PDB file of N, CA and C in Angstrom:
ATOM      1  N   MET A   1       2.163  26.118  -4.011  1.00  0.00           N
ATOM      2  CA  MET A   1       1.772  25.024  -4.971  1.00  0.00           C
ATOM      3  C   MET A   1       3.090  24.496  -5.731  1.00  0.00           C
ATOM      4  N   LYS A   2       4.178  25.399  -6.193  1.00  0.00           N
ATOM      5  CA  LYS A   2       5.116  25.449  -6.958  1.00  0.00           C
ATOM      6  C   LYS A   2       5.703  24.450  -5.941  1.00  0.00           C
ATOM      7  N   ASN A   3       6.068  25.295  -4.880  1.00  0.00           N
ATOM      8  CA  ASN A   3       7.631  24.322  -4.573  1.00  0.00           C
ATOM      9  C   ASN A   3       7.138  23.031  -4.033  1.00  0.00           C
ATOM     10  N   LEU A   4       4.951  22.458  -3.973  1.00  0.00           N
ATOM     11  CA  LEU A   4       4.646  21.534  -3.651  1.00  0.00           C
ATOM     12  C   LEU A   4       5.476  20.300  -4.857  1.00  0.00           C
ATOM     13  N   VAL A   5       4.778  21.017  -6.046  1.00  0.00           N
ATOM     14  CA  VAL A   5       5.088  20.333  -7.796  1.00  0.00           C
ATOM     15  C   VAL A   5       6.585  19.328  -7.565  1.00  0.00           C
ATOM     16  N   GLU A   6       7.310  21.332  -7.125  1.00  0.00           N
ATOM     17  CA  GLU A   6       8.981  20.588  -7.442  1.00  0.00           C
ATOM     18  C   GLU A   6       9.609  19.909  -5.913  1.00  0.00           C
ATOM     19  N   ASN A   7       8.329  19.761  -4.781  1.00  0.00           N
ATOM     20  CA  ASN A   7       9.139  18.741  -4.381  1.00  0.00           C
ATOM     21  C   ASN A   7       8.352  17.621  -4.329  1.00  0.00           C
ATOM     22  N   ILE A   8       7.646  16.739  -5.495  1.00  0.00           N
ATOM     23  CA  ILE A   8       6.816  15.513  -5.581  1.00  0.00           C
ATOM     24  C   ILE A   8       8.388  15.369  -6.880  1.00  0.00           C
ATOM     25  N   ASN A   9       8.544  15.881  -7.592  1.00  0.00           N
ATOM     26  CA  ASN A   9       9.298  15.512  -8.842  1.00  0.00           C
ATOM     27  C   ASN A   9      10.455  15.540  -8.469  1.00  0.00           C
ATOM     28  N   SER A  10      11.089  16.420  -6.947  1.00  0.00           N
ATOM     29  CA  SER A  10      11.971  15.316  -7.268  1.00  0.00           C
ATOM     30  C   SER A  10      11.968  13.717  -5.822  1.00  0.00           C
ATOM     31  N   LEU A  11      11.436  13.905  -5.072  1.00  0.00           N
ATOM     32  CA  LEU A  11      10.765  12.791  -4.790  1.00  0.00           C
ATOM     33  C   LEU A  11      10.394  11.626  -5.841  1.00  0.00           C
ATOM     34  N   ILE A  12      10.069  11.323  -7.058  1.00  0.00           N
ATOM     35  CA  ILE A  12       9.759  10.770  -7.852  1.00  0.00           C
ATOM     36  C   ILE A  12      11.047  10.142  -8.328  1.00  0.00           C
ATOM     37  N   ALA A  13      12.543  11.564  -8.715  1.00  0.00           N
ATOM     38  CA  ALA A  13      13.635  11.172  -9.487  1.00  0.00           C
ATOM     39  C   ALA A  13      14.718  10.464  -8.032  1.00  0.00           C
ATOM     40  N   ASP A  14      14.198  10.701  -7.079  1.00  0.00           N
ATOM     41  CA  ASP A  14      15.157   9.870  -5.940  1.00  0.00           C
ATOM     42  C   ASP A  14      14.684   8.588  -5.923  1.00  0.00           C
ATOM     43  N   PHE A  15      13.237   7.990  -6.154  1.00  0.00           N
ATOM     44  CA  PHE A  15      12.396   7.068  -6.218  1.00  0.00           C
ATOM     45  C   PHE A  15      12.688   5.978  -7.124  1.00  0.00           C
ATOM     46  N   GLN A  16      13.509   6.782  -8.661  1.00  0.00           N
ATOM     47  CA  GLN A  16      13.503   5.835  -9.310  1.00  0.00           C
ATOM     48  C   GLN A  16      14.722   6.043  -9.667  1.00  0.00           C
ATOM     49  N   LYS A  17      15.713   6.243  -9.311  1.00  0.00           N
ATOM     50  CA  LYS A  17      17.081   6.261  -8.618  1.00  0.00           C
ATOM     51  C   LYS A  17      17.536   4.984  -7.451  1.00  0.00           C
ATOM     52  N   ASP A  18      17.329   4.625  -6.681  1.00  0.00           N
ATOM     53  CA  ASP A  18      16.814   3.933  -5.545  1.00  0.00           C
ATOM     54  C   ASP A  18      15.721   2.323  -6.572  1.00  0.00           C
ATOM     55  N   ALA A  19      15.296   2.542  -7.164  1.00  0.00           N
ATOM     56  CA  ALA A  19      14.448   1.408  -7.344  1.00  0.00           C
ATOM     57  C   ALA A  19      15.084   0.323  -8.443  1.00  0.00           C
ATOM     58  N   SER A  20      15.498   1.346  -9.236  1.00  0.00           N
ATOM     59  CA  SER A  20      16.277   0.923 -10.446  1.00  0.00           C
ATOM     60  C   SER A  20      17.558   0.510 -10.211  1.00  0.00           C
ATOM     61  N   LEU A  21      18.124   0.786  -8.733  1.00  0.00           N
ATOM     62  CA  LEU A  21      19.192   0.093  -7.869  1.00  0.00           C
ATOM     63  C   LEU A  21      19.179  -1.064  -7.685  1.00  0.00           C
ATOM     64  N   GLN A  22      17.701  -1.417  -6.722  1.00  0.00           N
ATOM     65  CA  GLN A  22      17.224  -2.502  -5.806  1.00  0.00           C
ATOM     66  C   GLN A  22      17.117  -3.649  -7.434  1.00  0.00           C
ATOM     67  N   VAL A  23      15.973  -3.514  -8.068  1.00  0.00           N
ATOM     68  CA  VAL A  23      16.645  -3.971  -9.665  1.00  0.00           C
ATOM     69  C   VAL A  23      17.817  -3.995 -10.611  1.00  0.00           C
ATOM     70  N   GLU A  24      18.312  -3.512 -10.798  1.00  0.00           N
ATOM     71  CA  GLU A  24      19.428  -3.951 -11.454  1.00  0.00           C
ATOM     72  C   GLU A  24      20.544  -4.638 -11.017  1.00  0.00           C
ATOM     73  N   SER A  25      20.910  -3.918  -9.297  1.00  0.00           N
ATOM     74  CA  SER A  25      21.622  -4.920  -8.691  1.00  0.00           C
ATOM     75  C   SER A  25      21.047  -5.640  -7.418  1.00  0.00           C
ATOM     76  N   GLY A  26      19.720  -5.467  -7.362  1.00  0.00           N
ATOM     77  CA  GLY A  26      19.980  -6.383  -5.995  1.00  0.00           C
ATOM     78  C   GLY A  26      20.493  -5.799  -5.024  1.00  0.00           C
ATOM     79  N   ASN A  27      20.652  -4.537  -5.154  1.00  0.00           N
ATOM     80  CA  ASN A  27      20.817  -3.627  -3.622  1.00  0.00           C
ATOM     81  C   ASN A  27      19.536  -3.258  -2.532  1.00  0.00           C
ATOM     82  N   LYS A  28      20.201  -4.057  -1.472  1.00  0.00           N
ATOM     83  CA  LYS A  28      18.467  -4.245  -0.305  1.00  0.00           C
ATOM     84  C   LYS A  28      18.866  -3.104   0.171  1.00  0.00           C
ATOM     85  N   ALA A  29      19.464  -1.819   0.463  1.00  0.00           N
ATOM     86  CA  ALA A  29      19.372  -0.585   1.527  1.00  0.00           C
ATOM     87  C   ALA A  29      18.482   0.075   0.343  1.00  0.00           C
ATOM     88  N   ALA A  30      18.989   0.143  -1.433  1.00  0.00           N
ATOM     89  CA  ALA A  30      18.291   0.798  -2.449  1.00  0.00           C
ATOM     90  C   ALA A  30      16.819   0.603  -2.190  1.00  0.00           C
ATOM     91  N   GLY A  31      16.226  -0.939  -2.222  1.00  0.00           N
ATOM     92  CA  GLY A  31      14.681  -1.242  -2.178  1.00  0.00           C
ATOM     93  C   GLY A  31      14.143  -0.397  -0.404  1.00  0.00           C
ATOM     94  N   THR A  32      14.578  -0.572   0.431  1.00  0.00           N
ATOM     95  CA  THR A  32      14.852   0.037   1.460  1.00  0.00           C
ATOM     96  C   THR A  32      13.800   1.662   1.805  1.00  0.00           C
ATOM     97  N   ARG A  33      15.177   2.480   0.768  1.00  0.00           N
ATOM     98  CA  ARG A  33      14.896   3.750   0.729  1.00  0.00           C
ATOM     99  C   ARG A  33      13.907   4.193  -0.117  1.00  0.00           C
ATOM    100  N   ALA A  34      13.516   2.954  -1.078  1.00  0.00           N
ATOM    101  CA  ALA A  34      12.823   3.062  -2.313  1.00  0.00           C
ATOM    102  C   ALA A  34      11.122   3.271  -1.429  1.00  0.00           C
ATOM    103  N   ARG A  35      11.253   2.165  -1.326  1.00  0.00           N
ATOM    104  CA  ARG A  35      10.130   2.028  -0.211  1.00  0.00           C
ATOM    105  C   ARG A  35       9.435   2.883   0.512  1.00  0.00           C
ATOM    106  N   LYS A  36      10.602   3.707   0.930  1.00  0.00           N
ATOM    107  CA  LYS A  36      10.242   4.379   2.330  1.00  0.00           C
ATOM    108  C   LYS A  36       9.853   6.663   1.061  1.00  0.00           C
ATOM    109  N   THR A  37      10.427   5.964   0.143  1.00  0.00           N
ATOM    110  CA  THR A  37      10.462   7.457  -0.884  1.00  0.00           C
ATOM    111  C   THR A  37       8.453   6.955  -1.160  1.00  0.00           C
ATOM    112  N   SER A  38       8.822   6.310  -1.385  1.00  0.00           N
ATOM    113  CA  SER A  38       7.042   5.816  -2.009  1.00  0.00           C
ATOM    114  C   SER A  38       6.234   6.295  -1.091  1.00  0.00           C
ATOM    115  N   LEU A  39       6.316   6.127   0.066  1.00  0.00           N
ATOM    116  CA  LEU A  39       5.167   7.031   0.786  1.00  0.00           C
ATOM    117  C   LEU A  39       5.254   7.987   1.370  1.00  0.00           C
ATOM    118  N   ALA A  40       6.577   8.140   1.373  1.00  0.00           N
ATOM    119  CA  ALA A  40       6.343  10.875   1.065  1.00  0.00           C
ATOM    120  C   ALA A  40       5.946  10.949  -0.195  1.00  0.00           C
ATOM    121  N   ILE A  41       5.786   9.600  -1.588  1.00  0.00           N
ATOM    122  CA  ILE A  41       5.202  10.387  -2.670  1.00  0.00           C
ATOM    123  C   ILE A  41       3.429  10.580  -2.219  1.00  0.00           C
ATOM    124  N   GLU A  42       3.336   9.453  -1.562  1.00  0.00           N
ATOM    125  CA  GLU A  42       1.624   9.556  -1.507  1.00  0.00           C
ATOM    126  C   GLU A  42       1.732  10.918  -0.271  1.00  0.00           C
ATOM    127  N   LYS A  43       2.429  10.657   0.508  1.00  0.00           N
ATOM    128  CA  LYS A  43       1.699  11.905   0.974  1.00  0.00           C
ATOM    129  C   LYS A  43       1.146  13.311   0.374  1.00  0.00           C
ATOM    130  N   ALA A  44       2.679  13.917  -0.222  1.00  0.00           N
ATOM    131  CA  ALA A  44       2.855  15.017  -1.004  1.00  0.00           C
ATOM    132  C   ALA A  44       1.532  14.688  -2.413  1.00  0.00           C
ATOM    133  N   LEU A  45       1.410  13.812  -2.808  1.00  0.00           N
ATOM    134  CA  LEU A  45       0.404  14.021  -3.457  1.00  0.00           C
ATOM    135  C   LEU A  45      -0.739  14.157  -2.919  1.00  0.00           C
ATOM    136  N   LYS A  46      -1.260  13.842  -2.057  1.00  0.00           N
ATOM    137  CA  LYS A  46      -2.150  14.142  -0.975  1.00  0.00           C
ATOM    138  C   LYS A  46      -2.669  15.014  -0.964  1.00  0.00           C
ATOM    139  N   GLU A  47      -1.150  16.077  -0.632  1.00  0.00           N
ATOM    140  CA  GLU A  47      -0.944  17.265   0.014  1.00  0.00           C
ATOM    141  C   GLU A  47      -1.421  17.907  -1.720  1.00  0.00           C
ATOM    142  N   PHE A  48      -0.772  17.826  -2.781  1.00  0.00           N
ATOM    143  CA  PHE A  48      -1.095  18.386  -3.993  1.00  0.00           C
ATOM    144  C   PHE A  48      -2.298  18.034  -3.973  1.00  0.00           C
ATOM    145  N   ARG A  49      -2.977  17.310  -4.083  1.00  0.00           N
ATOM    146  CA  ARG A  49      -5.023  17.415  -4.363  1.00  0.00           C
ATOM    147  C   ARG A  49      -5.699  18.510  -3.619  1.00  0.00           C
ATOM    148  N   LYS A  50      -5.256  18.846  -2.165  1.00  0.00           N
ATOM    149  CA  LYS A  50      -6.089  19.294  -1.576  1.00  0.00           C
ATOM    150  C   LYS A  50      -6.102  20.766  -1.870  1.00  0.00           C
ATOM    151  N   ALA A  51      -4.379  20.704  -1.899  1.00  0.00           N
ATOM    152  CA  ALA A  51      -4.362  22.382  -2.360  1.00  0.00           C
ATOM    153  C   ALA A  51      -5.274  22.349  -3.740  1.00  0.00           C
ATOM    154  N   SER A  52      -4.878  21.706  -4.748  1.00  0.00           N
ATOM    155  CA  SER A  52      -5.399  21.407  -6.521  1.00  0.00           C
ATOM    156  C   SER A  52      -7.005  21.996  -6.200  1.00  0.00           C
ATOM    157  N   ILE A  53      -7.342  21.615  -5.196  1.00  0.00           N
ATOM    158  CA  ILE A  53      -8.940  21.886  -5.167  1.00  0.00           C
ATOM    159  C   ILE A  53      -8.728  22.955  -4.410  1.00  0.00           C
ATOM    160  N   GLU A  54      -8.749  23.179  -3.366  1.00  0.00           N
ATOM    161  CA  GLU A  54      -8.271  24.641  -2.696  1.00  0.00           C
ATOM    162  C   GLU A  54      -8.148  25.353  -4.229  1.00  0.00           C
ATOM    163  N   ALA A  55      -7.318  25.284  -4.787  1.00  0.00           N
ATOM    164  CA  ALA A  55      -6.817  26.310  -5.552  1.00  0.00           C
ATOM    165  C   ALA A  55      -8.482  26.323  -6.845  1.00  0.00           C
ATOM    166  N   ALA A  56      -9.450  24.845  -7.308  1.00  0.00           N
ATOM    167  CA  ALA A  56      -9.963  25.476  -8.307  1.00  0.00           C
ATOM    168  C   ALA A  56     -11.150  26.242  -7.539  1.00  0.00           C
ATOM    169  N   LYS A  57     -11.481  26.505  -6.222  1.00  0.00           N
ATOM    170  CA  LYS A  57     -12.057  26.814  -5.916  1.00  0.00           C
ATOM    171  C   LYS A  57     -12.672  27.994  -6.377  1.00  0.00           C
TER     172      LYS A  57
END
């Protein structure tokens, strides 16, 4: 579970970096990376939810 949280934090940091590059300087490649990372964040959060439910049982 700890590794999963660290992975989510890392993905969020990557997303923030790429999203701000797209917004501030119009970097289209950074926008593509941010969208890809957002999908990875979604998957990781679903895994976290499953693990959290199992841990609560």
